N, C-alpha and C. Protein backbone atom coordinates (compact mmCIF):
# COMPACT_ATOMS: atom_id res chain seq x y z
N MET A 1 -34.50 -48.81 271.70
CA MET A 1 -33.58 -49.19 270.63
C MET A 1 -33.83 -48.29 269.43
N SER A 2 -32.77 -47.73 268.85
CA SER A 2 -32.93 -46.82 267.72
C SER A 2 -33.23 -47.62 266.46
N GLU A 3 -34.02 -47.02 265.61
CA GLU A 3 -34.42 -47.68 264.38
C GLU A 3 -33.45 -47.31 263.26
N THR A 4 -33.00 -48.33 262.52
CA THR A 4 -32.09 -48.10 261.39
C THR A 4 -32.89 -47.94 260.12
N LYS A 5 -32.62 -46.85 259.38
CA LYS A 5 -33.35 -46.59 258.14
C LYS A 5 -32.88 -47.55 257.05
N PRO A 6 -33.79 -48.07 256.26
CA PRO A 6 -33.38 -48.93 255.13
C PRO A 6 -32.47 -48.18 254.19
N LYS A 7 -31.50 -48.90 253.61
CA LYS A 7 -30.53 -48.27 252.73
C LYS A 7 -31.18 -47.61 251.53
N ASN A 8 -32.21 -48.28 250.97
CA ASN A 8 -32.83 -47.71 249.78
C ASN A 8 -33.54 -46.40 250.10
N LYS A 9 -34.06 -46.27 251.35
CA LYS A 9 -34.72 -45.03 251.73
C LYS A 9 -33.70 -43.91 251.88
N VAL A 10 -32.52 -44.25 252.45
CA VAL A 10 -31.47 -43.27 252.59
C VAL A 10 -31.01 -42.81 251.22
N ALA A 11 -30.89 -43.76 250.30
CA ALA A 11 -30.45 -43.42 248.95
C ALA A 11 -31.42 -42.47 248.28
N ARG A 12 -32.73 -42.72 248.52
CA ARG A 12 -33.73 -41.84 247.91
C ARG A 12 -33.64 -40.43 248.49
N GLN A 13 -33.33 -40.35 249.79
CA GLN A 13 -33.27 -39.05 250.44
C GLN A 13 -32.05 -38.26 250.00
N THR A 14 -30.94 -38.97 249.69
CA THR A 14 -29.71 -38.28 249.33
C THR A 14 -29.55 -38.09 247.83
N ALA A 15 -30.40 -38.76 247.03
CA ALA A 15 -30.28 -38.63 245.57
C ALA A 15 -30.65 -37.21 245.14
N ARG A 16 -30.02 -36.77 244.04
CA ARG A 16 -30.33 -35.45 243.51
C ARG A 16 -31.73 -35.46 242.92
N PRO A 17 -32.49 -34.40 243.13
CA PRO A 17 -33.85 -34.36 242.60
C PRO A 17 -33.85 -34.38 241.07
N GLN A 18 -34.84 -35.07 240.50
CA GLN A 18 -34.96 -35.16 239.06
C GLN A 18 -35.41 -33.82 238.49
N ARG A 19 -34.66 -33.32 237.51
CA ARG A 19 -35.03 -32.05 236.89
C ARG A 19 -36.25 -32.26 236.00
N GLN A 20 -37.21 -31.38 236.15
CA GLN A 20 -38.42 -31.46 235.34
C GLN A 20 -38.17 -30.86 233.96
N THR A 21 -38.61 -31.57 232.92
CA THR A 21 -38.47 -31.06 231.57
C THR A 21 -39.41 -29.89 231.36
N HIS A 22 -38.89 -28.82 230.80
CA HIS A 22 -39.72 -27.65 230.55
C HIS A 22 -40.85 -28.02 229.58
N PRO A 23 -42.08 -27.67 229.91
CA PRO A 23 -43.22 -28.07 229.06
C PRO A 23 -43.14 -27.55 227.63
N LEU A 24 -42.46 -26.44 227.39
CA LEU A 24 -42.37 -25.91 226.04
C LEU A 24 -41.52 -26.78 225.13
N LEU A 25 -40.64 -27.61 225.70
CA LEU A 25 -39.82 -28.47 224.87
C LEU A 25 -40.67 -29.49 224.12
N GLN A 26 -41.73 -29.96 224.74
CA GLN A 26 -42.65 -30.86 224.05
C GLN A 26 -43.32 -30.14 222.88
N ARG A 27 -43.69 -28.88 223.09
CA ARG A 27 -44.31 -28.10 222.03
C ARG A 27 -43.32 -27.85 220.88
N LEU A 28 -42.07 -27.59 221.21
CA LEU A 28 -41.06 -27.40 220.18
C LEU A 28 -40.84 -28.69 219.38
N TRP A 29 -40.90 -29.81 220.05
CA TRP A 29 -40.78 -31.11 219.38
C TRP A 29 -41.93 -31.28 218.37
N GLU A 30 -43.13 -30.93 218.79
CA GLU A 30 -44.29 -31.06 217.90
C GLU A 30 -44.19 -30.14 216.70
N LEU A 31 -43.70 -28.92 216.91
CA LEU A 31 -43.63 -27.94 215.83
C LEU A 31 -42.44 -28.19 214.89
N HIS A 32 -41.33 -28.65 215.46
CA HIS A 32 -40.11 -28.81 214.68
C HIS A 32 -39.43 -30.14 215.04
N PRO A 33 -40.04 -31.25 214.64
CA PRO A 33 -39.52 -32.56 215.05
C PRO A 33 -38.13 -32.87 214.51
N ARG A 34 -37.76 -32.27 213.39
CA ARG A 34 -36.43 -32.55 212.83
C ARG A 34 -35.33 -31.85 213.62
N LEU A 35 -35.68 -30.83 214.36
CA LEU A 35 -34.69 -30.08 215.13
C LEU A 35 -34.74 -30.43 216.61
N PHE A 36 -35.93 -30.63 217.15
CA PHE A 36 -36.09 -30.88 218.59
C PHE A 36 -36.61 -32.30 218.84
N GLY A 37 -36.40 -33.20 217.90
CA GLY A 37 -36.90 -34.56 218.04
C GLY A 37 -35.99 -35.45 218.85
N ALA A 38 -36.07 -36.76 218.59
CA ALA A 38 -35.30 -37.74 219.35
C ALA A 38 -33.81 -37.56 219.15
N ARG A 39 -33.41 -37.14 217.93
CA ARG A 39 -32.00 -36.89 217.66
C ARG A 39 -31.71 -35.41 217.87
N PHE A 40 -30.89 -35.11 218.86
CA PHE A 40 -30.56 -33.72 219.15
C PHE A 40 -29.55 -33.19 218.13
N LEU A 41 -29.76 -31.95 217.71
CA LEU A 41 -28.88 -31.30 216.74
C LEU A 41 -28.47 -29.92 217.26
N PRO A 42 -27.26 -29.49 216.96
CA PRO A 42 -26.88 -28.12 217.34
C PRO A 42 -27.79 -27.09 216.68
N LEU A 43 -28.17 -26.10 217.42
CA LEU A 43 -29.12 -25.10 216.94
C LEU A 43 -28.41 -23.97 216.21
N LYS A 44 -29.04 -23.50 215.16
CA LYS A 44 -28.55 -22.33 214.43
C LYS A 44 -28.45 -21.14 215.39
N LEU A 45 -27.41 -20.34 215.24
CA LEU A 45 -27.31 -19.12 216.03
C LEU A 45 -28.48 -18.21 215.67
N GLY A 46 -29.14 -17.66 216.69
CA GLY A 46 -30.32 -16.84 216.45
C GLY A 46 -31.60 -17.64 216.36
N ILE A 47 -31.58 -18.88 216.87
CA ILE A 47 -32.78 -19.73 216.75
C ILE A 47 -33.94 -19.16 217.58
N PHE A 48 -33.63 -18.46 218.67
CA PHE A 48 -34.70 -17.84 219.47
C PHE A 48 -35.47 -16.84 218.63
N GLU A 49 -34.75 -15.96 217.94
CA GLU A 49 -35.41 -14.97 217.10
C GLU A 49 -36.19 -15.64 215.95
N ASP A 50 -35.63 -16.72 215.41
CA ASP A 50 -36.32 -17.44 214.33
C ASP A 50 -37.63 -18.03 214.82
N LEU A 51 -37.62 -18.58 216.03
CA LEU A 51 -38.83 -19.16 216.60
C LEU A 51 -39.89 -18.09 216.86
N MET A 52 -39.47 -16.96 217.39
CA MET A 52 -40.43 -15.90 217.67
C MET A 52 -41.02 -15.34 216.37
N ALA A 53 -40.21 -15.29 215.32
CA ALA A 53 -40.71 -14.79 214.04
C ALA A 53 -41.64 -15.81 213.37
N ARG A 54 -41.32 -17.10 213.48
CA ARG A 54 -42.15 -18.13 212.85
C ARG A 54 -43.45 -18.33 213.61
N HIS A 55 -43.42 -18.18 214.93
CA HIS A 55 -44.60 -18.41 215.77
C HIS A 55 -44.80 -17.21 216.70
N PRO A 56 -45.21 -16.08 216.17
CA PRO A 56 -45.24 -14.83 216.96
C PRO A 56 -46.18 -14.87 218.16
N ASP A 57 -47.20 -15.71 218.13
CA ASP A 57 -48.17 -15.74 219.23
C ASP A 57 -48.12 -17.03 220.03
N ALA A 58 -47.11 -17.87 219.78
CA ALA A 58 -47.10 -19.19 220.41
C ALA A 58 -46.37 -19.23 221.74
N PHE A 59 -45.39 -18.33 221.93
CA PHE A 59 -44.54 -18.42 223.11
C PHE A 59 -44.41 -17.10 223.84
N ALA A 60 -44.34 -17.20 225.16
CA ALA A 60 -43.89 -16.06 225.95
C ALA A 60 -42.36 -16.05 225.89
N LYS A 61 -41.78 -14.87 225.72
CA LYS A 61 -40.34 -14.79 225.51
C LYS A 61 -39.54 -15.45 226.62
N GLU A 62 -39.88 -15.15 227.86
CA GLU A 62 -39.10 -15.69 228.97
C GLU A 62 -39.24 -17.21 229.06
N ASP A 63 -40.43 -17.72 228.80
CA ASP A 63 -40.63 -19.17 228.83
C ASP A 63 -39.80 -19.84 227.74
N LEU A 64 -39.77 -19.24 226.56
CA LEU A 64 -39.00 -19.83 225.46
C LEU A 64 -37.50 -19.79 225.77
N LYS A 65 -37.04 -18.68 226.36
CA LYS A 65 -35.62 -18.59 226.73
C LYS A 65 -35.26 -19.68 227.74
N GLN A 66 -36.13 -19.92 228.72
CA GLN A 66 -35.87 -20.94 229.73
C GLN A 66 -35.85 -22.33 229.11
N ALA A 67 -36.79 -22.59 228.20
CA ALA A 67 -36.85 -23.91 227.55
C ALA A 67 -35.61 -24.16 226.71
N LEU A 68 -35.22 -23.18 225.93
CA LEU A 68 -34.03 -23.33 225.10
C LEU A 68 -32.77 -23.47 225.95
N GLY A 69 -32.73 -22.73 227.05
CA GLY A 69 -31.59 -22.84 227.95
C GLY A 69 -31.45 -24.24 228.52
N GLN A 70 -32.57 -24.83 228.93
CA GLN A 70 -32.53 -26.20 229.45
C GLN A 70 -32.09 -27.17 228.35
N HIS A 71 -32.59 -26.94 227.14
CA HIS A 71 -32.26 -27.83 226.02
C HIS A 71 -30.76 -27.82 225.73
N VAL A 72 -30.16 -26.63 225.62
CA VAL A 72 -28.76 -26.56 225.22
C VAL A 72 -27.80 -26.92 226.35
N ARG A 73 -28.29 -26.98 227.57
CA ARG A 73 -27.44 -27.42 228.68
C ARG A 73 -27.52 -28.93 228.92
N SER A 74 -28.42 -29.60 228.22
CA SER A 74 -28.58 -31.04 228.42
C SER A 74 -27.36 -31.79 227.87
N SER A 75 -27.08 -32.94 228.45
CA SER A 75 -25.94 -33.73 228.00
C SER A 75 -26.11 -34.20 226.56
N ARG A 76 -27.34 -34.55 226.18
CA ARG A 76 -27.56 -35.03 224.82
C ARG A 76 -27.27 -33.93 223.80
N TYR A 77 -27.63 -32.71 224.12
CA TYR A 77 -27.34 -31.60 223.20
C TYR A 77 -25.84 -31.35 223.13
N LEU A 78 -25.18 -31.31 224.29
CA LEU A 78 -23.75 -31.06 224.32
C LEU A 78 -22.98 -32.15 223.59
N GLU A 79 -23.45 -33.40 223.68
CA GLU A 79 -22.80 -34.49 222.97
C GLU A 79 -22.90 -34.29 221.45
N ALA A 80 -24.05 -33.77 220.98
CA ALA A 80 -24.20 -33.50 219.55
C ALA A 80 -23.21 -32.43 219.10
N VAL A 81 -23.04 -31.41 219.91
CA VAL A 81 -22.07 -30.35 219.59
C VAL A 81 -20.65 -30.92 219.63
N ALA A 82 -20.36 -31.73 220.65
CA ALA A 82 -19.02 -32.30 220.81
C ALA A 82 -18.64 -33.20 219.64
N GLN A 83 -19.62 -33.81 219.00
CA GLN A 83 -19.36 -34.70 217.88
C GLN A 83 -19.09 -33.94 216.58
N GLY A 84 -19.22 -32.63 216.63
CA GLY A 84 -18.91 -31.83 215.45
C GLY A 84 -20.06 -31.70 214.46
N GLU A 85 -21.28 -31.97 214.92
CA GLU A 85 -22.44 -31.80 214.05
C GLU A 85 -22.56 -30.33 213.64
N ALA A 86 -23.13 -30.08 212.46
CA ALA A 86 -23.37 -28.71 212.01
C ALA A 86 -24.55 -28.11 212.77
N ARG A 87 -24.64 -26.80 212.77
CA ARG A 87 -25.82 -26.13 213.31
C ARG A 87 -26.96 -26.25 212.30
N HIS A 88 -28.19 -26.37 212.81
CA HIS A 88 -29.35 -26.60 211.96
C HIS A 88 -30.42 -25.54 212.19
N ASP A 89 -31.18 -25.27 211.12
CA ASP A 89 -32.26 -24.29 211.23
C ASP A 89 -33.56 -24.96 211.69
N LEU A 90 -34.65 -24.21 211.72
CA LEU A 90 -35.91 -24.71 212.25
C LEU A 90 -36.45 -25.91 211.47
N ASP A 91 -36.08 -26.03 210.21
CA ASP A 91 -36.55 -27.13 209.38
C ASP A 91 -35.58 -28.31 209.38
N GLY A 92 -34.57 -28.24 210.24
CA GLY A 92 -33.63 -29.35 210.36
C GLY A 92 -32.56 -29.38 209.30
N ASN A 93 -32.35 -28.26 208.61
CA ASN A 93 -31.32 -28.20 207.57
C ASN A 93 -30.01 -27.69 208.15
N PRO A 94 -28.88 -28.34 207.81
CA PRO A 94 -27.58 -27.82 208.27
C PRO A 94 -27.28 -26.49 207.60
N VAL A 95 -26.87 -25.51 208.39
CA VAL A 95 -26.66 -24.17 207.84
C VAL A 95 -25.26 -23.60 208.09
N GLU A 96 -24.58 -24.09 209.11
CA GLU A 96 -23.26 -23.53 209.42
C GLU A 96 -22.53 -24.46 210.39
N PRO A 97 -21.21 -24.48 210.33
CA PRO A 97 -20.46 -25.30 211.29
C PRO A 97 -20.48 -24.68 212.67
N VAL A 98 -20.27 -25.51 213.66
CA VAL A 98 -20.12 -25.02 215.03
C VAL A 98 -18.69 -24.51 215.19
N ALA A 99 -18.51 -23.36 215.78
CA ALA A 99 -17.18 -22.78 215.97
C ALA A 99 -16.32 -23.71 216.83
N PRO A 100 -15.01 -23.78 216.56
CA PRO A 100 -14.13 -24.67 217.33
C PRO A 100 -14.23 -24.46 218.84
N GLU A 101 -14.35 -23.21 219.26
CA GLU A 101 -14.42 -22.96 220.71
C GLU A 101 -15.70 -23.51 221.33
N HIS A 102 -16.79 -23.55 220.56
CA HIS A 102 -18.03 -24.10 221.07
C HIS A 102 -17.96 -25.62 221.15
N VAL A 103 -17.33 -26.24 220.15
CA VAL A 103 -17.11 -27.69 220.20
C VAL A 103 -16.25 -28.03 221.40
N HIS A 104 -15.19 -27.26 221.60
CA HIS A 104 -14.28 -27.51 222.72
C HIS A 104 -15.02 -27.39 224.06
N HIS A 105 -15.83 -26.35 224.20
CA HIS A 105 -16.58 -26.17 225.45
C HIS A 105 -17.48 -27.37 225.71
N ALA A 106 -18.15 -27.87 224.67
CA ALA A 106 -19.04 -29.00 224.84
C ALA A 106 -18.27 -30.25 225.26
N ILE A 107 -17.13 -30.48 224.65
CA ILE A 107 -16.31 -31.65 225.02
C ILE A 107 -15.90 -31.56 226.49
N MET A 108 -15.46 -30.39 226.91
CA MET A 108 -15.01 -30.21 228.28
C MET A 108 -16.15 -30.41 229.29
N GLU A 109 -17.32 -29.91 228.94
CA GLU A 109 -18.45 -30.04 229.86
C GLU A 109 -18.89 -31.50 229.98
N ILE A 110 -18.96 -32.22 228.85
CA ILE A 110 -19.31 -33.63 228.90
C ILE A 110 -18.26 -34.42 229.67
N TRP A 111 -16.99 -34.10 229.46
CA TRP A 111 -15.92 -34.77 230.20
C TRP A 111 -16.09 -34.57 231.70
N ARG A 112 -16.39 -33.36 232.13
CA ARG A 112 -16.57 -33.09 233.56
C ARG A 112 -17.73 -33.91 234.13
N ARG A 113 -18.80 -34.03 233.37
CA ARG A 113 -19.96 -34.79 233.85
C ARG A 113 -19.67 -36.28 233.90
N ARG A 114 -18.93 -36.78 232.91
CA ARG A 114 -18.68 -38.22 232.83
C ARG A 114 -17.61 -38.69 233.82
N GLN A 115 -16.66 -37.84 234.16
CA GLN A 115 -15.56 -38.30 234.98
C GLN A 115 -16.00 -38.64 236.40
N VAL A 116 -17.16 -38.17 236.79
CA VAL A 116 -17.69 -38.53 238.10
C VAL A 116 -17.99 -40.02 238.16
N ARG A 117 -18.45 -40.58 237.02
CA ARG A 117 -18.79 -42.00 236.97
C ARG A 117 -17.58 -42.88 236.67
N ASP A 118 -16.76 -42.48 235.71
CA ASP A 118 -15.59 -43.29 235.33
C ASP A 118 -14.54 -42.35 234.74
N ALA A 119 -13.58 -41.96 235.55
CA ALA A 119 -12.61 -40.95 235.15
C ALA A 119 -11.77 -41.40 233.97
N ASP A 120 -11.35 -42.69 233.95
CA ASP A 120 -10.48 -43.17 232.88
C ASP A 120 -11.21 -43.17 231.53
N LYS A 121 -12.44 -43.67 231.51
CA LYS A 121 -13.21 -43.69 230.27
C LYS A 121 -13.52 -42.28 229.81
N ALA A 122 -13.84 -41.41 230.75
CA ALA A 122 -14.14 -40.02 230.40
C ALA A 122 -12.93 -39.34 229.77
N ARG A 123 -11.76 -39.60 230.32
CA ARG A 123 -10.54 -38.99 229.78
C ARG A 123 -10.25 -39.51 228.37
N ALA A 124 -10.38 -40.82 228.19
CA ALA A 124 -10.13 -41.39 226.86
C ALA A 124 -11.10 -40.83 225.83
N TRP A 125 -12.37 -40.71 226.22
CA TRP A 125 -13.37 -40.14 225.31
C TRP A 125 -13.02 -38.69 224.97
N ALA A 126 -12.67 -37.90 225.98
CA ALA A 126 -12.39 -36.49 225.76
C ALA A 126 -11.18 -36.30 224.84
N VAL A 127 -10.13 -37.07 225.06
CA VAL A 127 -8.94 -36.94 224.23
C VAL A 127 -9.26 -37.31 222.78
N ALA A 128 -10.00 -38.41 222.59
CA ALA A 128 -10.37 -38.82 221.23
C ALA A 128 -11.20 -37.74 220.54
N ARG A 129 -12.15 -37.14 221.27
CA ARG A 129 -12.98 -36.10 220.67
C ARG A 129 -12.15 -34.84 220.39
N LEU A 130 -11.20 -34.53 221.25
CA LEU A 130 -10.36 -33.36 221.03
C LEU A 130 -9.48 -33.55 219.80
N VAL A 131 -8.98 -34.76 219.59
CA VAL A 131 -8.21 -35.04 218.37
C VAL A 131 -9.07 -34.75 217.15
N GLY A 132 -10.32 -35.24 217.16
CA GLY A 132 -11.22 -34.99 216.05
C GLY A 132 -11.55 -33.52 215.90
N ALA A 133 -11.72 -32.83 217.02
CA ALA A 133 -12.06 -31.40 216.98
C ALA A 133 -10.92 -30.58 216.40
N VAL A 134 -9.70 -30.90 216.79
CA VAL A 134 -8.55 -30.17 216.26
C VAL A 134 -8.42 -30.41 214.75
N GLU A 135 -8.58 -31.65 214.33
CA GLU A 135 -8.49 -31.96 212.91
C GLU A 135 -9.58 -31.24 212.12
N ALA A 136 -10.80 -31.24 212.65
CA ALA A 136 -11.92 -30.60 211.96
C ALA A 136 -11.73 -29.08 211.88
N SER A 137 -11.07 -28.51 212.88
CA SER A 137 -10.88 -27.05 212.89
C SER A 137 -9.91 -26.59 211.82
N GLY A 138 -8.98 -27.47 211.42
CA GLY A 138 -7.96 -27.09 210.46
C GLY A 138 -6.90 -26.16 211.04
N LEU A 139 -6.89 -26.00 212.36
CA LEU A 139 -5.97 -25.08 213.01
C LEU A 139 -4.75 -25.83 213.55
N ASP A 140 -3.61 -25.13 213.61
CA ASP A 140 -2.46 -25.70 214.29
C ASP A 140 -2.63 -25.49 215.79
N ARG A 141 -1.66 -25.96 216.56
CA ARG A 141 -1.77 -25.89 218.02
C ARG A 141 -1.97 -24.46 218.50
N GLU A 142 -1.15 -23.55 217.98
CA GLU A 142 -1.23 -22.16 218.42
C GLU A 142 -2.58 -21.55 218.07
N GLY A 143 -3.04 -21.80 216.86
CA GLY A 143 -4.32 -21.24 216.43
C GLY A 143 -5.48 -21.79 217.22
N TYR A 144 -5.43 -23.10 217.52
CA TYR A 144 -6.51 -23.72 218.29
C TYR A 144 -6.56 -23.16 219.71
N LEU A 145 -5.42 -23.06 220.34
CA LEU A 145 -5.38 -22.54 221.71
C LEU A 145 -5.84 -21.09 221.76
N GLU A 146 -5.54 -20.35 220.71
CA GLU A 146 -5.99 -18.96 220.67
C GLU A 146 -7.51 -18.88 220.57
N ARG A 147 -8.12 -19.81 219.84
CA ARG A 147 -9.58 -19.80 219.71
C ARG A 147 -10.27 -20.23 221.00
N VAL A 148 -9.79 -21.29 221.64
CA VAL A 148 -10.51 -21.81 222.81
C VAL A 148 -10.19 -21.02 224.07
N ARG A 149 -9.01 -20.39 224.12
CA ARG A 149 -8.64 -19.49 225.22
C ARG A 149 -8.87 -20.11 226.61
N THR A 150 -8.40 -21.31 226.82
CA THR A 150 -8.56 -21.93 228.13
C THR A 150 -7.27 -21.80 228.93
N GLN A 151 -7.44 -21.56 230.22
CA GLN A 151 -6.32 -21.52 231.16
C GLN A 151 -6.45 -22.63 232.20
N ASP A 152 -7.47 -23.46 232.04
CA ASP A 152 -7.72 -24.53 233.00
C ASP A 152 -6.65 -25.62 232.86
N PRO A 153 -5.90 -25.92 233.93
CA PRO A 153 -4.82 -26.92 233.84
C PRO A 153 -5.30 -28.28 233.36
N ALA A 154 -6.47 -28.72 233.82
CA ALA A 154 -6.98 -30.03 233.41
C ALA A 154 -7.30 -30.05 231.93
N ALA A 155 -7.91 -28.98 231.43
CA ALA A 155 -8.24 -28.89 230.01
C ALA A 155 -6.96 -28.85 229.17
N LEU A 156 -5.96 -28.10 229.63
CA LEU A 156 -4.70 -28.02 228.90
C LEU A 156 -3.98 -29.36 228.87
N ALA A 157 -4.09 -30.12 229.96
CA ALA A 157 -3.47 -31.45 229.99
C ALA A 157 -4.13 -32.38 228.98
N LEU A 158 -5.45 -32.31 228.88
CA LEU A 158 -6.16 -33.12 227.88
C LEU A 158 -5.76 -32.71 226.47
N LEU A 159 -5.62 -31.41 226.24
CA LEU A 159 -5.22 -30.93 224.93
C LEU A 159 -3.79 -31.38 224.58
N ASP A 160 -2.90 -31.35 225.57
CA ASP A 160 -1.53 -31.82 225.33
C ASP A 160 -1.54 -33.28 224.88
N GLU A 161 -2.37 -34.09 225.54
CA GLU A 161 -2.46 -35.50 225.18
C GLU A 161 -3.06 -35.67 223.79
N ALA A 162 -4.06 -34.85 223.48
CA ALA A 162 -4.69 -34.93 222.16
C ALA A 162 -3.71 -34.54 221.05
N PHE A 163 -2.96 -33.46 221.26
CA PHE A 163 -1.98 -33.04 220.26
C PHE A 163 -0.89 -34.09 220.09
N ALA A 164 -0.49 -34.74 221.18
CA ALA A 164 0.53 -35.79 221.11
C ALA A 164 0.01 -36.98 220.30
N GLN A 165 -1.22 -37.39 220.56
CA GLN A 165 -1.81 -38.51 219.82
C GLN A 165 -1.94 -38.17 218.34
N ARG A 166 -2.34 -36.94 218.07
CA ARG A 166 -2.49 -36.52 216.67
C ARG A 166 -1.14 -36.52 215.95
N ALA A 167 -0.10 -36.07 216.63
CA ALA A 167 1.23 -36.07 216.03
C ALA A 167 1.70 -37.49 215.74
N GLU A 168 1.44 -38.41 216.67
CA GLU A 168 1.82 -39.81 216.46
C GLU A 168 1.07 -40.41 215.27
N ALA A 169 -0.23 -40.11 215.18
CA ALA A 169 -1.03 -40.63 214.07
C ALA A 169 -0.55 -40.06 212.74
N THR A 170 -0.21 -38.78 212.73
CA THR A 170 0.29 -38.15 211.51
C THR A 170 1.59 -38.81 211.06
N ALA A 171 2.48 -39.09 212.01
CA ALA A 171 3.75 -39.73 211.68
C ALA A 171 3.51 -41.13 211.11
N ARG A 172 2.57 -41.88 211.71
CA ARG A 172 2.27 -43.23 211.21
C ARG A 172 1.70 -43.17 209.79
N HIS A 173 0.81 -42.20 209.57
CA HIS A 173 0.20 -42.08 208.25
C HIS A 173 1.23 -41.70 207.19
N GLU A 174 2.12 -40.80 207.54
CA GLU A 174 3.17 -40.40 206.59
C GLU A 174 4.07 -41.58 206.26
N ALA A 175 4.37 -42.40 207.27
CA ALA A 175 5.19 -43.59 207.03
C ALA A 175 4.45 -44.59 206.14
N LEU A 176 3.15 -44.73 206.35
CA LEU A 176 2.35 -45.64 205.52
C LEU A 176 2.33 -45.18 204.07
N VAL A 177 2.16 -43.88 203.85
CA VAL A 177 2.12 -43.34 202.49
C VAL A 177 3.47 -43.58 201.79
N ARG A 178 4.56 -43.33 202.50
CA ARG A 178 5.88 -43.55 201.91
C ARG A 178 6.09 -45.03 201.56
N ALA A 179 5.66 -45.91 202.47
CA ALA A 179 5.82 -47.34 202.21
C ALA A 179 4.98 -47.79 201.03
N PHE A 180 3.77 -47.27 200.92
CA PHE A 180 2.90 -47.64 199.80
C PHE A 180 3.49 -47.19 198.48
N ARG A 181 3.95 -45.96 198.43
CA ARG A 181 4.50 -45.44 197.17
C ARG A 181 5.76 -46.18 196.76
N ALA A 182 6.54 -46.61 197.75
CA ALA A 182 7.77 -47.34 197.44
C ALA A 182 7.50 -48.79 197.06
N SER A 183 6.35 -49.31 197.47
CA SER A 183 6.06 -50.73 197.24
C SER A 183 5.72 -51.05 195.80
N GLY A 184 5.11 -50.11 195.09
CA GLY A 184 4.67 -50.37 193.73
C GLY A 184 3.47 -51.31 193.66
N GLN A 185 2.82 -51.57 194.79
CA GLN A 185 1.68 -52.48 194.87
C GLN A 185 0.36 -51.74 194.72
N GLU A 186 -0.68 -52.51 194.36
CA GLU A 186 -2.04 -51.99 194.45
C GLU A 186 -2.45 -51.95 195.92
N VAL A 187 -3.50 -51.20 196.21
CA VAL A 187 -3.89 -51.00 197.61
C VAL A 187 -4.19 -52.32 198.31
N ASP A 188 -4.98 -53.18 197.67
CA ASP A 188 -5.36 -54.44 198.33
C ASP A 188 -4.14 -55.31 198.62
N ALA A 189 -3.23 -55.40 197.65
CA ALA A 189 -2.04 -56.21 197.85
C ALA A 189 -1.15 -55.63 198.94
N PHE A 190 -1.01 -54.29 198.94
CA PHE A 190 -0.20 -53.64 199.97
C PHE A 190 -0.80 -53.87 201.36
N ALA A 191 -2.10 -53.69 201.47
CA ALA A 191 -2.76 -53.89 202.77
C ALA A 191 -2.61 -55.32 203.24
N ASP A 192 -2.75 -56.29 202.34
CA ASP A 192 -2.60 -57.70 202.71
C ASP A 192 -1.18 -57.99 203.16
N MET A 193 -0.21 -57.38 202.51
CA MET A 193 1.19 -57.60 202.85
C MET A 193 1.52 -57.14 204.27
N TYR A 194 0.86 -56.05 204.70
CA TYR A 194 1.15 -55.49 206.03
C TYR A 194 0.05 -55.79 207.05
N GLY A 195 -0.93 -56.58 206.66
CA GLY A 195 -2.01 -56.92 207.58
C GLY A 195 -2.89 -55.75 207.94
N LEU A 196 -3.13 -54.87 206.97
CA LEU A 196 -3.92 -53.66 207.20
C LEU A 196 -5.29 -53.79 206.55
N ASP A 197 -6.21 -52.98 207.00
CA ASP A 197 -7.53 -52.90 206.40
C ASP A 197 -7.42 -52.04 205.13
N PRO A 198 -7.78 -52.58 203.96
CA PRO A 198 -7.68 -51.78 202.73
C PRO A 198 -8.43 -50.46 202.80
N ALA A 199 -9.58 -50.45 203.49
CA ALA A 199 -10.36 -49.21 203.60
C ALA A 199 -9.58 -48.15 204.35
N VAL A 200 -8.85 -48.57 205.39
CA VAL A 200 -8.04 -47.62 206.16
C VAL A 200 -6.91 -47.08 205.29
N VAL A 201 -6.27 -47.96 204.53
CA VAL A 201 -5.18 -47.52 203.65
C VAL A 201 -5.70 -46.51 202.63
N ARG A 202 -6.86 -46.80 202.04
CA ARG A 202 -7.43 -45.87 201.05
C ARG A 202 -7.74 -44.52 201.69
N GLU A 203 -8.25 -44.54 202.92
CA GLU A 203 -8.56 -43.28 203.59
C GLU A 203 -7.30 -42.46 203.84
N VAL A 204 -6.24 -43.11 204.30
CA VAL A 204 -4.98 -42.41 204.56
C VAL A 204 -4.41 -41.85 203.27
N LEU A 205 -4.47 -42.64 202.21
CA LEU A 205 -3.95 -42.17 200.92
C LEU A 205 -4.77 -41.00 200.38
N ALA A 206 -6.09 -41.07 200.56
CA ALA A 206 -6.94 -39.99 200.10
C ALA A 206 -6.65 -38.70 200.85
N ARG A 207 -6.42 -38.80 202.16
CA ARG A 207 -6.08 -37.61 202.94
C ARG A 207 -4.76 -37.02 202.49
N ALA A 208 -3.80 -37.89 202.22
CA ALA A 208 -2.49 -37.40 201.77
C ALA A 208 -2.62 -36.71 200.42
N GLU A 209 -3.44 -37.28 199.54
CA GLU A 209 -3.66 -36.67 198.23
C GLU A 209 -4.32 -35.32 198.35
N ALA A 210 -5.34 -35.23 199.23
CA ALA A 210 -6.04 -33.97 199.42
C ALA A 210 -5.13 -32.91 200.02
N ALA A 211 -4.26 -33.32 200.92
CA ALA A 211 -3.35 -32.37 201.58
C ALA A 211 -2.32 -31.82 200.60
N SER A 212 -2.00 -32.60 199.57
CA SER A 212 -0.96 -32.19 198.62
C SER A 212 -1.48 -31.30 197.50
N THR A 213 -2.82 -31.19 197.40
CA THR A 213 -3.40 -30.38 196.32
C THR A 213 -3.79 -28.99 196.80
């Protein structure tokens, strides 16, 4: 009689092997906890050269390149980039924004990883992040597409949905601003009249004011 393998043993045999954390990442955490600590932050461009200059005898070049490569490919790092965090220097200070194309790449990579587990949630997350990324870039549709230069049909479909959502939100906000100005009410009274959150109304009005100046 043939022996049937336990399901949990089969699962262990078919599971993907756990990637080992590069030992230098622990050393980087100790040296620069504000940059390589529990909260991941986008790295300043040229951080490899900065590390070699700050610690000339601490790292072998190839080992440091491998450690940094593992760090920036991790989901936690990509999520920090996708959220639009600024790039930070060795002391954890923000020094420059992340380029729109780099934010876009991070969003797409996280979306691809997440859709294996739950495609619908992954898509909703990606579209919401793309809306934020487009707004943060300050670019119109043509300018944004020129920067990200994607030809991937799935990525373009997500962008189409993001631009559509952004256009709908813009139309709603413009209608809210017109209604508020026509009402002659204070913000709290106007929000109460329409069942809105006063904080949201103030934010929309502030954006409209900033856009007009």
